[in-house]
């Protein structure tokens, strides 16, 4: 029984020796750096996508604000035309109400989009922090 334990220990020691020879610390570090660079590239791509979504959402907010202001101006113009007797008061009031209801719909959409912008900006900031951590770790390991 003792002999089998000794043979097993010798075999185990030889296996550990072979594994240690295969695990070159420099190669392992280089592989780790390559993997971190891949992660960095993926993180940068994710950051660009999230930032683009935030910018698109902000542009939509700006566009909808302009449209809402335009509907408000149209409602005022309709009421002014009614005062000048260019159109009937009933027509002006109906069209002005419709324009103002469209404006209110746009204002609701603006509120929703502004919430999305906030969410996208938070996500972009988190991804940016991760990118900075990865850059720091890559530089640290490359210097070592």
Protein backbone atom coordinates (compact mmCIF):
# COMPACT_ATOMS: atom_id res chain seq x y z
CA UNK A 1 0.00 0.00 0.00
CA UNK A 2 2.82 2.33 0.88
CA UNK A 3 4.48 1.77 -2.46
CA UNK A 4 1.35 2.78 -4.32
CA UNK A 5 1.17 6.02 -2.36
CA UNK A 6 4.78 6.78 -3.16
CA UNK A 7 4.31 6.02 -6.87
CA UNK A 8 1.18 8.17 -6.90
CA UNK A 9 3.07 11.05 -5.24
CA UNK A 10 5.90 10.74 -7.77
CA UNK A 11 3.40 10.83 -10.65
CA UNK A 12 1.64 13.78 -9.08
CA UNK A 13 4.94 15.65 -8.70
CA UNK A 14 5.81 14.99 -12.35
CA UNK A 15 2.41 16.26 -13.50
CA UNK A 16 2.84 19.43 -11.43
CA UNK A 17 6.28 19.93 -12.89
CA UNK A 18 4.97 19.65 -16.46
CA UNK A 19 2.09 22.06 -15.73
CA UNK A 20 4.47 24.60 -14.17
CA UNK A 21 6.69 24.47 -17.25
CA UNK A 22 3.67 25.08 -19.47
CA UNK A 23 2.58 28.05 -17.34
CA UNK A 24 5.16 30.60 -18.40
CA UNK A 25 4.33 33.73 -16.37
CA UNK A 26 5.26 36.05 -19.22
CA UNK A 27 3.05 34.23 -21.68
CA UNK A 28 0.21 34.11 -19.18
CA UNK A 29 0.54 37.87 -18.59
CA UNK A 30 0.59 38.56 -22.33
CA UNK A 31 -2.54 36.45 -22.76
CA UNK A 32 -4.24 38.34 -19.93
CA UNK A 33 -3.36 41.65 -21.58
CA UNK A 34 -4.75 40.44 -24.92
CA UNK A 35 -8.00 39.45 -23.23
CA UNK A 36 -8.21 42.81 -21.47
CA UNK A 37 -7.67 44.57 -24.82
CA UNK A 38 -10.51 42.55 -26.32
CA UNK A 39 -12.70 43.56 -23.39
CA UNK A 40 -11.62 47.17 -23.89
CA UNK A 41 -12.60 47.08 -27.56
CA UNK A 42 -15.99 45.62 -26.72
CA UNK A 43 -16.50 48.22 -23.98
CA UNK A 44 -15.56 51.06 -26.32
CA UNK A 45 -18.03 49.77 -28.88
CA UNK A 46 -20.76 49.53 -26.23
CA UNK A 47 -19.93 53.05 -25.04
CA UNK A 48 -20.22 54.40 -28.57
CA UNK A 49 -23.60 52.73 -29.06
CA UNK A 50 -25.03 53.97 -25.77
CA UNK A 51 -23.70 57.48 -26.36
CA UNK A 52 -25.21 57.47 -29.86
CA UNK A 53 -28.59 56.46 -28.43
CA UNK A 54 -28.37 59.32 -25.91
CA UNK A 55 -27.53 61.81 -28.66
CA UNK A 56 -30.35 60.53 -30.90
CA UNK A 57 -32.81 60.80 -28.02
CA UNK A 58 -31.65 64.34 -27.23
CA UNK A 59 -32.03 65.30 -30.90
CA UNK A 60 -35.56 63.90 -30.86
CA UNK A 61 -36.33 65.95 -27.76
CA UNK A 62 -35.10 69.11 -29.46
CA UNK A 63 -37.08 68.36 -32.62
CA UNK A 64 -40.28 67.66 -30.69
CA UNK A 65 -39.84 70.87 -28.68
CA UNK A 66 -39.65 72.80 -31.93
CA UNK A 67 -42.76 71.04 -33.23
CA UNK A 68 -44.65 71.80 -30.00
CA UNK A 69 -43.71 75.48 -30.22
CA UNK A 70 -44.79 75.46 -33.87
CA UNK A 71 -48.25 74.08 -32.97
CA UNK A 72 -48.59 76.75 -30.29
CA UNK A 73 -47.74 79.47 -32.83
CA UNK A 74 -50.26 78.00 -35.26
CA UNK A 75 -52.99 78.07 -32.61
CA UNK A 76 -52.25 81.73 -31.89
CA UNK A 77 -52.27 82.57 -35.60
CA UNK A 78 -55.63 80.85 -36.04
CA UNK A 79 -57.15 82.89 -33.22
CA UNK A 80 -55.69 86.08 -34.69
CA UNK A 81 -57.22 85.22 -38.06
CA UNK A 82 -60.58 84.77 -36.35
CA UNK A 83 -60.26 88.22 -34.79
CA UNK A 84 -59.62 89.68 -38.24
CA UNK A 85 -62.66 87.78 -39.55
CA UNK A 86 -60.56 85.82 -42.05
CA UNK A 87 -62.05 82.57 -40.72
CA UNK A 88 -65.00 81.86 -38.44
CA UNK A 89 -64.49 81.78 -34.71
CA UNK A 90 -65.75 78.18 -34.49
CA UNK A 91 -63.26 77.02 -37.12
CA UNK A 92 -60.44 78.88 -35.42
CA UNK A 93 -61.30 77.47 -31.99
CA UNK A 94 -61.59 73.91 -33.31
CA UNK A 95 -58.33 74.12 -35.21
CA UNK A 96 -56.58 75.82 -32.27
CA UNK A 97 -57.82 73.11 -29.88
CA UNK A 98 -56.53 70.44 -32.24
CA UNK A 99 -53.16 72.19 -32.53
CA UNK A 100 -52.91 72.52 -28.73
CA UNK A 101 -53.85 68.86 -28.22
CA UNK A 102 -51.06 67.90 -30.65
CA UNK A 103 -48.74 70.16 -28.68
CA UNK A 104 -49.71 68.38 -25.44
CA UNK A 105 -49.06 64.99 -27.03
CA UNK A 106 -45.63 66.19 -28.08
CA UNK A 107 -44.93 67.48 -24.57
CA UNK A 108 -45.75 64.02 -23.16
CA UNK A 109 -43.41 62.42 -25.69
CA UNK A 110 -40.74 64.95 -24.75
CA UNK A 111 -41.01 63.98 -21.09
CA UNK A 112 -40.65 60.31 -22.00
CA UNK A 113 -37.67 60.99 -24.26
CA UNK A 114 -35.96 63.13 -21.61
CA UNK A 115 -36.21 60.20 -19.19
CA UNK A 116 -34.63 57.98 -21.83
CA UNK A 117 -31.82 60.52 -22.32
CA UNK A 118 -31.11 60.42 -18.58
CA UNK A 119 -31.03 56.62 -18.59
CA UNK A 120 -28.74 56.51 -21.64
CA UNK A 121 -26.39 59.09 -20.11
CA UNK A 122 -26.16 57.09 -16.88
CA UNK A 123 -25.41 53.93 -18.85
CA UNK A 124 -22.81 55.76 -20.91
CA UNK A 125 -21.13 57.05 -17.77
CA UNK A 126 -20.99 53.55 -16.27
CA UNK A 127 -19.52 52.08 -19.44
CA UNK A 128 -17.03 54.95 -19.60
CA UNK A 129 -15.90 54.20 -16.04
CA UNK A 130 -15.39 50.55 -17.00
CA UNK A 131 -13.36 51.63 -20.03
CA UNK A 132 -11.13 53.78 -17.84
CA UNK A 133 -10.59 50.92 -15.38
CA UNK A 134 -9.65 48.59 -18.24
CA UNK A 135 -7.23 51.16 -19.68
CA UNK A 136 -5.63 51.60 -16.26
CA UNK A 137 -5.28 47.83 -15.76
CA UNK A 138 -3.82 47.32 -19.24
CA UNK A 139 -1.24 50.06 -18.68
CA UNK A 140 -0.41 48.65 -15.26
CA UNK A 141 0.15 45.14 -16.57
CA UNK A 142 2.09 46.32 -19.62
CA UNK A 143 4.43 48.32 -17.41
CA UNK A 144 5.03 45.31 -15.18
